[in-house]
Amino acid sequence: MQSVLAQAQHIIVHETRISSGTPWHIYIAAIAATVVAIVGWYVVHRTSQGRDLKNWRRTTLLEAVSALVESSIARRDQITTANGLYDRFTIPMGFEVPNEARESYRKMTAARYQIQICVADKVLEFADQIIMLHTTSDTSIERLKRSYMSPRPGKVSRNMTDNQIVEDEKLAEINLAQLNHYHDQIIRELQVEIGLRKVHETTT
């Protein structure tokens, strides 16, 4: 494109050196050539920018959703491995969410912001659903920790009812079927956004 502009500039310089007797149509032709070159450069430049932006968006969305789903699976595995199935008598007073699980949560949050930047609302909707499950899990773990009261050797004292404990255990663990459902949904919406699917498909 630079060569086209250079040629146009050469035409102008060349034509201005022509004697005053040069017909006007030659000057007009030179100006027209310059305008065409400039417009052509502008169109090509804008088209190239649009294509680059579209490719960046596709790549960013693909990487962000992949990172979010991978981190979501990792965090669930990490908290499950760290504490079995959250049996009501196995969470000690000093139990902490593993650092690996906290890092996975951080990665999910970072991926969520990348999706938001790309303005992919349907993808973002399911990203929020996934992160909400993990946020609820973390909150439930904290409640289970705080439910212990002055534990003594051989005795467990809790400030929650059995039903409350069971419910928080389920929330802490995260329902795998529900989590997988949201993983499937966010992947479907990603496929729509990057052009692999033509319509939004949801499952019940």
N, C-alpha and C. Protein backbone atom coordinates (compact mmCIF):
# COMPACT_ATOMS: atom_id res chain seq x y z
N MET A 1 0.83 -1.19 0.00
CA MET A 1 0.00 0.00 0.00
C MET A 1 0.87 1.25 0.00
N GLN A 2 2.03 1.17 0.67
CA GLN A 2 2.95 2.30 0.69
C GLN A 2 3.46 2.61 -0.71
N SER A 3 3.64 1.55 -1.53
CA SER A 3 4.11 1.76 -2.90
C SER A 3 3.07 2.51 -3.72
N VAL A 4 1.77 2.25 -3.44
CA VAL A 4 0.70 2.95 -4.15
C VAL A 4 0.73 4.43 -3.81
N LEU A 5 0.88 4.74 -2.51
CA LEU A 5 0.96 6.13 -2.08
C LEU A 5 2.18 6.83 -2.68
N ALA A 6 3.28 6.10 -2.76
CA ALA A 6 4.51 6.67 -3.31
C ALA A 6 4.32 7.02 -4.78
N GLN A 7 3.65 6.11 -5.50
CA GLN A 7 3.37 6.36 -6.91
C GLN A 7 2.49 7.58 -7.08
N ALA A 8 1.47 7.70 -6.20
CA ALA A 8 0.56 8.84 -6.30
C ALA A 8 1.30 10.14 -6.04
N GLN A 9 2.20 10.12 -5.05
CA GLN A 9 2.98 11.32 -4.74
C GLN A 9 3.89 11.68 -5.91
N HIS A 10 4.43 10.66 -6.56
CA HIS A 10 5.31 10.89 -7.72
C HIS A 10 4.54 11.56 -8.84
N ILE A 11 3.29 11.12 -9.01
CA ILE A 11 2.46 11.71 -10.07
C ILE A 11 2.25 13.18 -9.83
N ILE A 12 1.94 13.52 -8.56
CA ILE A 12 1.70 14.93 -8.22
C ILE A 12 2.94 15.77 -8.47
N VAL A 13 4.10 15.27 -7.98
CA VAL A 13 5.35 16.01 -8.16
C VAL A 13 5.67 16.18 -9.63
N HIS A 14 5.50 15.10 -10.39
CA HIS A 14 5.81 15.14 -11.81
C HIS A 14 4.91 16.13 -12.54
N GLU A 15 3.61 16.09 -12.21
CA GLU A 15 2.66 16.93 -12.93
C GLU A 15 2.83 18.40 -12.58
N THR A 16 3.24 18.70 -11.36
CA THR A 16 3.41 20.11 -10.98
C THR A 16 4.61 20.73 -11.68
N ARG A 17 5.51 19.87 -12.19
CA ARG A 17 6.68 20.38 -12.90
C ARG A 17 6.38 20.66 -14.39
N ILE A 18 5.21 20.24 -14.80
CA ILE A 18 4.84 20.45 -16.20
C ILE A 18 4.57 21.94 -16.42
N SER A 19 4.85 22.41 -17.58
CA SER A 19 4.68 23.83 -17.86
C SER A 19 3.25 24.27 -17.68
N SER A 20 3.06 25.56 -17.58
CA SER A 20 1.74 26.12 -17.33
C SER A 20 0.79 25.83 -18.48
N GLY A 21 1.33 25.35 -19.57
CA GLY A 21 0.46 25.07 -20.71
C GLY A 21 -0.15 23.68 -20.66
N THR A 22 0.19 22.91 -19.61
CA THR A 22 -0.33 21.55 -19.49
C THR A 22 -1.84 21.58 -19.32
N PRO A 23 -2.57 20.74 -20.04
CA PRO A 23 -4.04 20.71 -19.94
C PRO A 23 -4.48 20.40 -18.51
N TRP A 24 -5.64 20.96 -18.12
CA TRP A 24 -6.18 20.76 -16.77
C TRP A 24 -6.52 19.30 -16.50
N HIS A 25 -6.92 18.57 -17.53
CA HIS A 25 -7.34 17.18 -17.29
C HIS A 25 -6.19 16.33 -16.76
N ILE A 26 -4.95 16.74 -17.04
CA ILE A 26 -3.81 15.99 -16.52
C ILE A 26 -3.69 16.20 -15.01
N TYR A 27 -3.88 17.47 -14.60
CA TYR A 27 -3.85 17.76 -13.16
C TYR A 27 -4.98 17.03 -12.43
N ILE A 28 -6.14 17.05 -13.06
CA ILE A 28 -7.29 16.37 -12.45
C ILE A 28 -7.02 14.87 -12.32
N ALA A 29 -6.40 14.29 -13.35
CA ALA A 29 -6.07 12.85 -13.31
C ALA A 29 -5.09 12.55 -12.18
N ALA A 30 -4.13 13.47 -12.00
CA ALA A 30 -3.14 13.28 -10.94
C ALA A 30 -3.80 13.34 -9.57
N ILE A 31 -4.70 14.31 -9.38
CA ILE A 31 -5.40 14.44 -8.11
C ILE A 31 -6.30 13.23 -7.86
N ALA A 32 -6.98 12.80 -8.92
CA ALA A 32 -7.85 11.63 -8.79
C ALA A 32 -7.06 10.39 -8.39
N ALA A 33 -5.87 10.23 -8.98
CA ALA A 33 -5.03 9.08 -8.65
C ALA A 33 -4.63 9.11 -7.19
N THR A 34 -4.34 10.32 -6.71
CA THR A 34 -3.96 10.47 -5.30
C THR A 34 -5.12 10.13 -4.38
N VAL A 35 -6.31 10.63 -4.71
CA VAL A 35 -7.49 10.35 -3.90
C VAL A 35 -7.78 8.86 -3.87
N VAL A 36 -7.71 8.23 -5.04
CA VAL A 36 -7.96 6.78 -5.11
C VAL A 36 -6.96 6.02 -4.25
N ALA A 37 -5.70 6.44 -4.30
CA ALA A 37 -4.66 5.77 -3.50
C ALA A 37 -4.93 5.91 -2.01
N ILE A 38 -5.31 7.14 -1.61
CA ILE A 38 -5.57 7.38 -0.18
C ILE A 38 -6.79 6.61 0.29
N VAL A 39 -7.86 6.65 -0.50
CA VAL A 39 -9.07 5.91 -0.13
C VAL A 39 -8.79 4.42 -0.08
N GLY A 40 -8.04 3.93 -1.05
CA GLY A 40 -7.69 2.51 -1.06
C GLY A 40 -6.90 2.10 0.17
N TRP A 41 -5.93 2.95 0.52
CA TRP A 41 -5.14 2.67 1.73
C TRP A 41 -6.03 2.64 2.97
N TYR A 42 -6.96 3.61 3.05
CA TYR A 42 -7.85 3.70 4.21
C TYR A 42 -8.73 2.46 4.32
N VAL A 43 -9.28 2.03 3.21
CA VAL A 43 -10.16 0.86 3.21
C VAL A 43 -9.40 -0.39 3.61
N VAL A 44 -8.22 -0.56 3.01
CA VAL A 44 -7.41 -1.73 3.34
C VAL A 44 -6.99 -1.71 4.80
N HIS A 45 -6.62 -0.52 5.28
CA HIS A 45 -6.19 -0.38 6.68
C HIS A 45 -7.32 -0.73 7.64
N ARG A 46 -8.52 -0.18 7.37
CA ARG A 46 -9.66 -0.46 8.24
C ARG A 46 -10.06 -1.93 8.18
N THR A 47 -10.03 -2.50 6.99
CA THR A 47 -10.38 -3.92 6.83
C THR A 47 -9.40 -4.80 7.60
N SER A 48 -8.11 -4.44 7.49
CA SER A 48 -7.09 -5.21 8.20
C SER A 48 -7.26 -5.09 9.70
N GLN A 49 -7.56 -3.88 10.17
CA GLN A 49 -7.79 -3.69 11.60
C GLN A 49 -8.98 -4.52 12.09
N GLY A 50 -10.07 -4.49 11.32
CA GLY A 50 -11.25 -5.26 11.71
C GLY A 50 -10.98 -6.75 11.76
N ARG A 51 -10.22 -7.24 10.79
CA ARG A 51 -9.88 -8.66 10.76
C ARG A 51 -8.99 -9.03 11.93
N ASP A 52 -8.02 -8.18 12.23
CA ASP A 52 -7.12 -8.44 13.37
C ASP A 52 -7.90 -8.45 14.68
N LEU A 53 -8.82 -7.50 14.84
CA LEU A 53 -9.61 -7.43 16.07
C LEU A 53 -10.50 -8.67 16.21
N LYS A 54 -11.10 -9.10 15.10
CA LYS A 54 -11.95 -10.29 15.14
C LYS A 54 -11.15 -11.52 15.51
N ASN A 55 -9.96 -11.66 14.93
CA ASN A 55 -9.10 -12.81 15.24
C ASN A 55 -8.65 -12.77 16.69
N TRP A 56 -8.31 -11.57 17.18
CA TRP A 56 -7.90 -11.44 18.59
C TRP A 56 -9.04 -11.85 19.51
N ARG A 57 -10.25 -11.41 19.19
CA ARG A 57 -11.41 -11.73 20.03
C ARG A 57 -11.66 -13.23 20.06
N ARG A 58 -11.59 -13.87 18.92
CA ARG A 58 -11.80 -15.33 18.85
C ARG A 58 -10.76 -16.05 19.70
N THR A 59 -9.51 -15.66 19.53
CA THR A 59 -8.43 -16.33 20.26
C THR A 59 -8.55 -16.09 21.76
N THR A 60 -8.84 -14.85 22.14
CA THR A 60 -8.97 -14.52 23.56
C THR A 60 -10.12 -15.27 24.21
N LEU A 61 -11.26 -15.33 23.53
CA LEU A 61 -12.41 -16.06 24.07
C LEU A 61 -12.09 -17.54 24.23
N LEU A 62 -11.47 -18.12 23.23
CA LEU A 62 -11.12 -19.54 23.28
C LEU A 62 -10.19 -19.83 24.45
N GLU A 63 -9.17 -18.99 24.61
CA GLU A 63 -8.21 -19.19 25.71
C GLU A 63 -8.86 -18.95 27.07
N ALA A 64 -9.71 -17.93 27.16
CA ALA A 64 -10.34 -17.59 28.44
C ALA A 64 -11.30 -18.69 28.89
N VAL A 65 -12.14 -19.17 28.00
CA VAL A 65 -13.10 -20.23 28.36
C VAL A 65 -12.36 -21.51 28.70
N SER A 66 -11.32 -21.83 27.94
CA SER A 66 -10.53 -23.03 28.22
C SER A 66 -9.91 -22.94 29.61
N ALA A 67 -9.35 -21.77 29.94
CA ALA A 67 -8.72 -21.57 31.25
C ALA A 67 -9.75 -21.64 32.36
N LEU A 68 -10.93 -21.07 32.13
CA LEU A 68 -11.97 -21.06 33.17
C LEU A 68 -12.46 -22.48 33.47
N VAL A 69 -12.76 -23.24 32.42
CA VAL A 69 -13.26 -24.61 32.63
C VAL A 69 -12.18 -25.48 33.27
N GLU A 70 -10.96 -25.34 32.79
CA GLU A 70 -9.86 -26.13 33.35
C GLU A 70 -9.66 -25.80 34.84
N SER A 71 -9.70 -24.52 35.18
CA SER A 71 -9.52 -24.11 36.57
C SER A 71 -10.70 -24.54 37.44
N SER A 72 -11.90 -24.53 36.87
CA SER A 72 -13.09 -24.97 37.59
C SER A 72 -12.98 -26.44 37.96
N ILE A 73 -12.59 -27.26 37.00
CA ILE A 73 -12.42 -28.70 37.26
C ILE A 73 -11.31 -28.91 38.29
N ALA A 74 -10.23 -28.16 38.14
CA ALA A 74 -9.09 -28.31 39.05
C ALA A 74 -9.48 -27.96 40.48
N ARG A 75 -10.23 -26.85 40.66
CA ARG A 75 -10.58 -26.45 42.02
C ARG A 75 -11.47 -27.48 42.68
N ARG A 76 -12.43 -28.01 41.96
CA ARG A 76 -13.30 -29.01 42.57
C ARG A 76 -12.49 -30.24 42.97
N ASP A 77 -11.59 -30.68 42.12
CA ASP A 77 -10.75 -31.82 42.47
C ASP A 77 -9.87 -31.50 43.66
N GLN A 78 -9.35 -30.28 43.72
CA GLN A 78 -8.43 -29.90 44.80
C GLN A 78 -9.12 -29.85 46.16
N ILE A 79 -10.33 -29.30 46.22
CA ILE A 79 -11.01 -29.23 47.51
C ILE A 79 -11.54 -30.61 47.92
N THR A 80 -11.89 -31.44 46.93
CA THR A 80 -12.36 -32.79 47.24
C THR A 80 -11.22 -33.64 47.77
N THR A 81 -10.08 -33.57 47.10
CA THR A 81 -8.91 -34.34 47.52
C THR A 81 -8.43 -33.88 48.89
N ALA A 82 -8.53 -32.57 49.14
CA ALA A 82 -8.04 -32.03 50.39
C ALA A 82 -8.85 -32.49 51.59
N ASN A 83 -10.12 -32.78 51.38
CA ASN A 83 -10.94 -33.10 52.54
C ASN A 83 -11.97 -34.20 52.30
N GLY A 84 -11.63 -35.14 51.47
CA GLY A 84 -12.56 -36.24 51.23
C GLY A 84 -13.89 -35.74 50.72
N LEU A 85 -14.97 -36.20 51.27
CA LEU A 85 -16.31 -35.82 50.86
C LEU A 85 -16.95 -34.87 51.87
N TYR A 86 -16.16 -34.13 52.58
CA TYR A 86 -16.66 -33.17 53.57
C TYR A 86 -17.56 -33.82 54.62
N ASP A 87 -17.12 -34.99 55.05
CA ASP A 87 -17.82 -35.64 56.15
C ASP A 87 -17.86 -34.69 57.34
N ARG A 88 -18.98 -34.67 58.01
CA ARG A 88 -19.17 -33.68 59.08
C ARG A 88 -18.17 -33.79 60.22
N PHE A 89 -17.46 -34.90 60.31
CA PHE A 89 -16.52 -35.06 61.42
C PHE A 89 -15.06 -35.02 60.95
N THR A 90 -14.84 -34.57 59.70
CA THR A 90 -13.46 -34.61 59.20
C THR A 90 -12.84 -33.25 58.96
N ILE A 91 -13.61 -32.17 59.14
CA ILE A 91 -13.04 -30.84 58.93
C ILE A 91 -12.51 -30.31 60.26
N PRO A 92 -11.20 -30.29 60.42
CA PRO A 92 -10.64 -29.82 61.69
C PRO A 92 -10.74 -28.31 61.82
N MET A 93 -10.52 -27.81 63.00
CA MET A 93 -10.61 -26.38 63.25
C MET A 93 -9.63 -25.59 62.37
N GLY A 94 -8.48 -26.18 62.12
CA GLY A 94 -7.45 -25.46 61.36
C GLY A 94 -7.51 -25.69 59.87
N PHE A 95 -8.58 -26.30 59.37
CA PHE A 95 -8.66 -26.60 57.94
C PHE A 95 -8.66 -25.33 57.11
N GLU A 96 -7.88 -25.32 56.05
CA GLU A 96 -7.85 -24.20 55.12
C GLU A 96 -8.01 -24.71 53.70
N VAL A 97 -8.63 -23.90 52.86
CA VAL A 97 -8.73 -24.25 51.46
C VAL A 97 -7.32 -24.30 50.89
N PRO A 98 -6.96 -25.35 50.16
CA PRO A 98 -5.58 -25.47 49.63
C PRO A 98 -5.21 -24.26 48.78
N ASN A 99 -3.92 -23.92 48.81
CA ASN A 99 -3.44 -22.80 48.00
C ASN A 99 -3.71 -23.04 46.51
N GLU A 100 -3.62 -24.31 46.10
CA GLU A 100 -3.89 -24.64 44.70
C GLU A 100 -5.32 -24.29 44.32
N ALA A 101 -6.25 -24.52 45.26
CA ALA A 101 -7.65 -24.21 44.99
C ALA A 101 -7.86 -22.70 44.91
N ARG A 102 -7.18 -21.96 45.75
CA ARG A 102 -7.28 -20.50 45.71
C ARG A 102 -6.72 -19.96 44.39
N GLU A 103 -5.62 -20.57 43.92
CA GLU A 103 -5.04 -20.14 42.66
C GLU A 103 -5.97 -20.46 41.49
N SER A 104 -6.63 -21.60 41.55
CA SER A 104 -7.60 -21.96 40.50
C SER A 104 -8.74 -20.97 40.48
N TYR A 105 -9.19 -20.54 41.64
CA TYR A 105 -10.27 -19.55 41.72
C TYR A 105 -9.81 -18.22 41.12
N ARG A 106 -8.58 -17.84 41.41
CA ARG A 106 -8.03 -16.60 40.85
C ARG A 106 -8.00 -16.67 39.32
N LYS A 107 -7.61 -17.81 38.79
CA LYS A 107 -7.54 -17.97 37.33
C LYS A 107 -8.94 -17.89 36.71
N MET A 108 -9.93 -18.46 37.39
CA MET A 108 -11.30 -18.36 36.89
C MET A 108 -11.75 -16.91 36.82
N THR A 109 -11.44 -16.15 37.87
CA THR A 109 -11.83 -14.74 37.91
C THR A 109 -11.14 -13.95 36.80
N ALA A 110 -9.85 -14.22 36.58
CA ALA A 110 -9.11 -13.52 35.53
C ALA A 110 -9.70 -13.85 34.15
N ALA A 111 -10.04 -15.12 33.94
CA ALA A 111 -10.64 -15.53 32.67
C ALA A 111 -11.99 -14.87 32.47
N ARG A 112 -12.72 -14.71 33.56
CA ARG A 112 -14.04 -14.07 33.49
C ARG A 112 -13.92 -12.63 32.98
N TYR A 113 -12.90 -11.91 33.42
CA TYR A 113 -12.70 -10.53 32.97
C TYR A 113 -12.30 -10.49 31.49
N GLN A 114 -11.55 -11.47 31.04
CA GLN A 114 -11.20 -11.53 29.62
C GLN A 114 -12.45 -11.71 28.76
N ILE A 115 -13.35 -12.56 29.23
CA ILE A 115 -14.61 -12.77 28.52
C ILE A 115 -15.43 -11.49 28.49
N GLN A 116 -15.44 -10.77 29.60
CA GLN A 116 -16.18 -9.51 29.68
C GLN A 116 -15.61 -8.49 28.70
N ILE A 117 -14.31 -8.42 28.58
CA ILE A 117 -13.66 -7.49 27.65
C ILE A 117 -14.09 -7.78 26.22
N CYS A 118 -14.27 -9.05 25.91
CA CYS A 118 -14.63 -9.46 24.55
C CYS A 118 -16.11 -9.26 24.23
N VAL A 119 -16.89 -8.79 25.20
CA VAL A 119 -18.32 -8.52 25.03
C VAL A 119 -19.04 -9.75 24.48
N ALA A 120 -18.91 -10.85 25.21
CA ALA A 120 -19.61 -12.10 24.87
C ALA A 120 -20.59 -12.39 26.01
N ASP A 121 -21.76 -11.78 25.93
CA ASP A 121 -22.69 -11.79 27.06
C ASP A 121 -23.18 -13.18 27.45
N LYS A 122 -23.50 -14.01 26.48
CA LYS A 122 -23.99 -15.36 26.80
C LYS A 122 -22.88 -16.22 27.41
N VAL A 123 -21.69 -16.07 26.91
CA VAL A 123 -20.55 -16.79 27.49
C VAL A 123 -20.32 -16.30 28.92
N LEU A 124 -20.40 -14.99 29.11
CA LEU A 124 -20.19 -14.40 30.43
C LEU A 124 -21.25 -14.88 31.41
N GLU A 125 -22.47 -15.06 30.94
CA GLU A 125 -23.55 -15.53 31.81
C GLU A 125 -23.22 -16.87 32.44
N PHE A 126 -22.71 -17.80 31.66
CA PHE A 126 -22.37 -19.12 32.21
C PHE A 126 -21.05 -19.10 32.97
N ALA A 127 -20.16 -18.17 32.62
CA ALA A 127 -18.94 -18.01 33.41
C ALA A 127 -19.31 -17.60 34.83
N ASP A 128 -20.27 -16.69 34.94
CA ASP A 128 -20.73 -16.24 36.25
C ASP A 128 -21.40 -17.38 37.03
N GLN A 129 -22.14 -18.23 36.35
CA GLN A 129 -22.79 -19.37 37.01
C GLN A 129 -21.74 -20.33 37.57
N ILE A 130 -20.72 -20.57 36.81
CA ILE A 130 -19.64 -21.47 37.26
C ILE A 130 -18.92 -20.88 38.47
N ILE A 131 -18.56 -19.61 38.36
CA ILE A 131 -17.84 -18.96 39.46
C ILE A 131 -18.72 -18.88 40.71
N MET A 132 -20.02 -18.69 40.51
CA MET A 132 -20.94 -18.64 41.66
C MET A 132 -20.94 -19.96 42.42
N LEU A 133 -20.91 -21.08 41.71
CA LEU A 133 -20.86 -22.38 42.38
C LEU A 133 -19.61 -22.48 43.26
N HIS A 134 -18.49 -22.00 42.74
CA HIS A 134 -17.24 -22.08 43.50
C HIS A 134 -17.22 -21.08 44.65
N THR A 135 -17.83 -19.91 44.45
CA THR A 135 -17.92 -18.94 45.53
C THR A 135 -18.78 -19.48 46.67
N THR A 136 -19.91 -20.10 46.31
CA THR A 136 -20.78 -20.71 47.31
C THR A 136 -20.06 -21.84 48.03
N SER A 137 -19.27 -22.60 47.29
CA SER A 137 -18.48 -23.67 47.89
C SER A 137 -17.53 -23.13 48.94
N ASP A 138 -16.84 -22.06 48.60
CA ASP A 138 -15.88 -21.47 49.54
C ASP A 138 -16.58 -20.93 50.78
N THR A 139 -17.74 -20.29 50.58
CA THR A 139 -18.51 -19.77 51.70
C THR A 139 -18.98 -20.90 52.62
N SER A 140 -19.41 -22.00 52.03
CA SER A 140 -19.89 -23.15 52.81
C SER A 140 -18.76 -23.78 53.61
N ILE A 141 -17.59 -23.86 53.01
CA ILE A 141 -16.44 -24.40 53.73
C ILE A 141 -16.13 -23.55 54.96
N GLU A 142 -16.20 -22.24 54.78
CA GLU A 142 -15.94 -21.33 55.90
C GLU A 142 -17.00 -21.51 57.00
N ARG A 143 -18.26 -21.71 56.63
CA ARG A 143 -19.31 -21.93 57.63
C ARG A 143 -19.07 -23.23 58.38
N LEU A 144 -18.66 -24.26 57.67
CA LEU A 144 -18.39 -25.54 58.32
C LEU A 144 -17.23 -25.41 59.30
N LYS A 145 -16.23 -24.64 58.92
CA LYS A 145 -15.09 -24.42 59.82
C LYS A 145 -15.55 -23.71 61.10
N ARG A 146 -16.37 -22.69 60.92
CA ARG A 146 -16.81 -21.90 62.08
C ARG A 146 -17.84 -22.64 62.93
N SER A 147 -18.35 -23.76 62.43
CA SER A 147 -19.38 -24.48 63.19
C SER A 147 -18.80 -25.24 64.37
N TYR A 148 -17.49 -25.43 64.39
CA TYR A 148 -16.87 -26.13 65.52
C TYR A 148 -16.79 -25.22 66.74
N MET A 149 -17.18 -25.75 67.88
CA MET A 149 -17.15 -24.97 69.12
C MET A 149 -16.36 -25.71 70.19
N SER A 150 -15.28 -25.08 70.63
CA SER A 150 -14.47 -25.61 71.73
C SER A 150 -14.31 -27.13 71.66
N PRO A 151 -13.72 -27.63 70.60
CA PRO A 151 -13.58 -29.10 70.49
C PRO A 151 -12.71 -29.65 71.60
N ARG A 152 -13.10 -30.79 72.11
CA ARG A 152 -12.32 -31.48 73.13
C ARG A 152 -11.98 -32.87 72.62
N PRO A 153 -10.90 -33.45 73.11
CA PRO A 153 -10.51 -34.79 72.65
C PRO A 153 -11.67 -35.77 72.79
N GLY A 154 -11.96 -36.44 71.70
CA GLY A 154 -13.01 -37.46 71.73
C GLY A 154 -14.41 -36.91 71.60
N LYS A 155 -14.57 -35.60 71.45
CA LYS A 155 -15.89 -35.03 71.34
C LYS A 155 -15.91 -33.89 70.33
N VAL A 156 -16.95 -33.89 69.51
CA VAL A 156 -17.11 -32.84 68.51
C VAL A 156 -18.33 -32.01 68.87
N SER A 157 -18.14 -30.70 68.99
CA SER A 157 -19.25 -29.81 69.31
C SER A 157 -19.46 -28.87 68.14
N ARG A 158 -20.71 -28.79 67.66
CA ARG A 158 -21.01 -27.95 66.49
C ARG A 158 -22.14 -26.97 66.83
N ASN A 159 -22.12 -25.81 66.19
CA ASN A 159 -23.17 -24.83 66.41
C ASN A 159 -24.17 -24.80 65.25
N MET A 160 -24.23 -25.88 64.48
CA MET A 160 -25.16 -26.01 63.37
C MET A 160 -25.96 -27.30 63.55
N THR A 161 -27.16 -27.31 63.02
CA THR A 161 -27.95 -28.54 63.07
C THR A 161 -27.41 -29.53 62.05
N ASP A 162 -27.82 -30.79 62.21
CA ASP A 162 -27.38 -31.81 61.26
C ASP A 162 -27.81 -31.46 59.83
N ASN A 163 -29.02 -30.97 59.67
CA ASN A 163 -29.50 -30.61 58.34
C ASN A 163 -28.68 -29.47 57.72
N GLN A 164 -28.34 -28.49 58.56
CA GLN A 164 -27.52 -27.38 58.06
C GLN A 164 -26.13 -27.86 57.65
N ILE A 165 -25.59 -28.77 58.45
CA ILE A 165 -24.27 -29.30 58.15
C ILE A 165 -24.30 -30.08 56.84
N VAL A 166 -25.30 -30.94 56.67
CA VAL A 166 -25.42 -31.74 55.45
C VAL A 166 -25.56 -30.83 54.22
N GLU A 167 -26.37 -29.78 54.35
CA GLU A 167 -26.58 -28.87 53.22
C GLU A 167 -25.29 -28.15 52.85
N ASP A 168 -24.55 -27.70 53.86
CA ASP A 168 -23.29 -27.01 53.57
C ASP A 168 -22.25 -27.97 53.02
N GLU A 169 -22.30 -29.20 53.44
CA GLU A 169 -21.39 -30.20 52.88
C GLU A 169 -21.63 -30.36 51.39
N LYS A 170 -22.90 -30.39 51.00
CA LYS A 170 -23.23 -30.54 49.57
C LYS A 170 -22.77 -29.32 48.77
N LEU A 171 -23.01 -28.13 49.33
CA LEU A 171 -22.62 -26.91 48.64
C LEU A 171 -21.10 -26.78 48.55
N ALA A 172 -20.43 -27.20 49.61
CA ALA A 172 -18.96 -27.13 49.62
C ALA A 172 -18.37 -28.05 48.55
N GLU A 173 -18.98 -29.21 48.41
CA GLU A 173 -18.46 -30.21 47.47
C GLU A 173 -18.74 -29.82 46.02
N ILE A 174 -19.82 -29.09 45.76
CA ILE A 174 -20.30 -28.70 44.42
C ILE A 174 -20.87 -29.91 43.70
N ASN A 175 -22.12 -29.77 43.29
CA ASN A 175 -22.79 -30.83 42.55
C ASN A 175 -22.10 -31.00 41.19
N LEU A 176 -21.55 -32.17 40.97
CA LEU A 176 -20.76 -32.41 39.76
C LEU A 176 -21.62 -32.33 38.50
N ALA A 177 -22.85 -32.84 38.56
CA ALA A 177 -23.73 -32.81 37.39
C ALA A 177 -24.05 -31.36 37.01
N GLN A 178 -24.32 -30.53 38.00
CA GLN A 178 -24.63 -29.13 37.74
C GLN A 178 -23.42 -28.40 37.18
N LEU A 179 -22.26 -28.68 37.77
CA LEU A 179 -21.03 -28.03 37.30
C LEU A 179 -20.74 -28.43 35.85
N ASN A 180 -20.87 -29.71 35.54
CA ASN A 180 -20.63 -30.17 34.17
C ASN A 180 -21.63 -29.56 33.19
N HIS A 181 -22.87 -29.38 33.65
CA HIS A 181 -23.88 -28.75 32.81
C HIS A 181 -23.45 -27.34 32.41
N TYR A 182 -22.97 -26.56 33.38
CA TYR A 182 -22.53 -25.21 33.08
C TYR A 182 -21.27 -25.21 32.21
N HIS A 183 -20.41 -26.20 32.41
CA HIS A 183 -19.24 -26.31 31.54
C HIS A 183 -19.69 -26.55 30.10
N ASP A 184 -20.63 -27.46 29.91
CA ASP A 184 -21.14 -27.75 28.56
C ASP A 184 -21.77 -26.50 27.93
N GLN A 185 -22.53 -25.76 28.74
CA GLN A 185 -23.23 -24.59 28.23
C GLN A 185 -22.26 -23.48 27.81
N ILE A 186 -21.23 -23.25 28.61
CA ILE A 186 -20.30 -22.18 28.26
C ILE A 186 -19.51 -22.54 27.00
N ILE A 187 -19.25 -23.83 26.83
CA ILE A 187 -18.55 -24.28 25.62
C ILE A 187 -19.44 -24.10 24.39
N ARG A 188 -20.73 -24.42 24.52
CA ARG A 188 -21.67 -24.21 23.41
C ARG A 188 -21.74 -22.73 23.01
N GLU A 189 -21.83 -21.87 24.02
CA GLU A 189 -21.92 -20.44 23.72
C GLU A 189 -20.62 -19.92 23.11
N LEU A 190 -19.51 -20.47 23.54
CA LEU A 190 -18.23 -20.11 22.93
C LEU A 190 -18.23 -20.49 21.45
N GLN A 191 -18.73 -21.69 21.15
CA GLN A 191 -18.77 -22.15 19.77
C GLN A 191 -19.62 -21.24 18.89
N VAL A 192 -20.69 -20.70 19.46
CA VAL A 192 -21.52 -19.74 18.72
C VAL A 192 -20.72 -18.47 18.46
N GLU A 193 -20.03 -17.98 19.49
CA GLU A 193 -19.30 -16.72 19.38
C GLU A 193 -18.17 -16.79 18.35
N ILE A 194 -17.51 -17.93 18.25
CA ILE A 194 -16.38 -18.02 17.32
C ILE A 194 -16.78 -18.64 15.99
N GLY A 195 -18.09 -18.87 15.82
CA GLY A 195 -18.59 -19.29 14.51
C GLY A 195 -18.63 -20.77 14.25
N LEU A 196 -18.45 -21.59 15.27
CA LEU A 196 -18.53 -23.04 15.07
C LEU A 196 -19.96 -23.56 15.15
N ARG A 197 -20.84 -22.77 15.77
CA ARG A 197 -22.27 -23.06 15.82
C ARG A 197 -23.04 -21.84 15.31
N LYS A 198 -24.13 -22.07 14.63
CA LYS A 198 -24.89 -20.96 14.06
C LYS A 198 -25.99 -20.46 14.97
N VAL A 199 -26.44 -21.30 15.90
CA VAL A 199 -27.52 -20.89 16.79
C VAL A 199 -27.15 -21.25 18.22
N HIS A 200 -27.77 -20.52 19.16
CA HIS A 200 -27.57 -20.84 20.58
C HIS A 200 -28.38 -22.08 20.91
N GLU A 201 -27.74 -23.02 21.57
CA GLU A 201 -28.42 -24.23 21.98
C GLU A 201 -28.30 -24.36 23.49
N THR A 202 -29.41 -24.58 24.15
CA THR A 202 -29.40 -24.76 25.60
C THR A 202 -30.02 -26.09 25.92
N THR A 203 -29.59 -26.65 27.01
CA THR A 203 -30.13 -27.92 27.46
C THR A 203 -30.81 -27.70 28.79
N THR A 204 -31.76 -28.54 29.08
CA THR A 204 -32.48 -28.42 30.35
C THR A 204 -31.95 -29.43 31.34
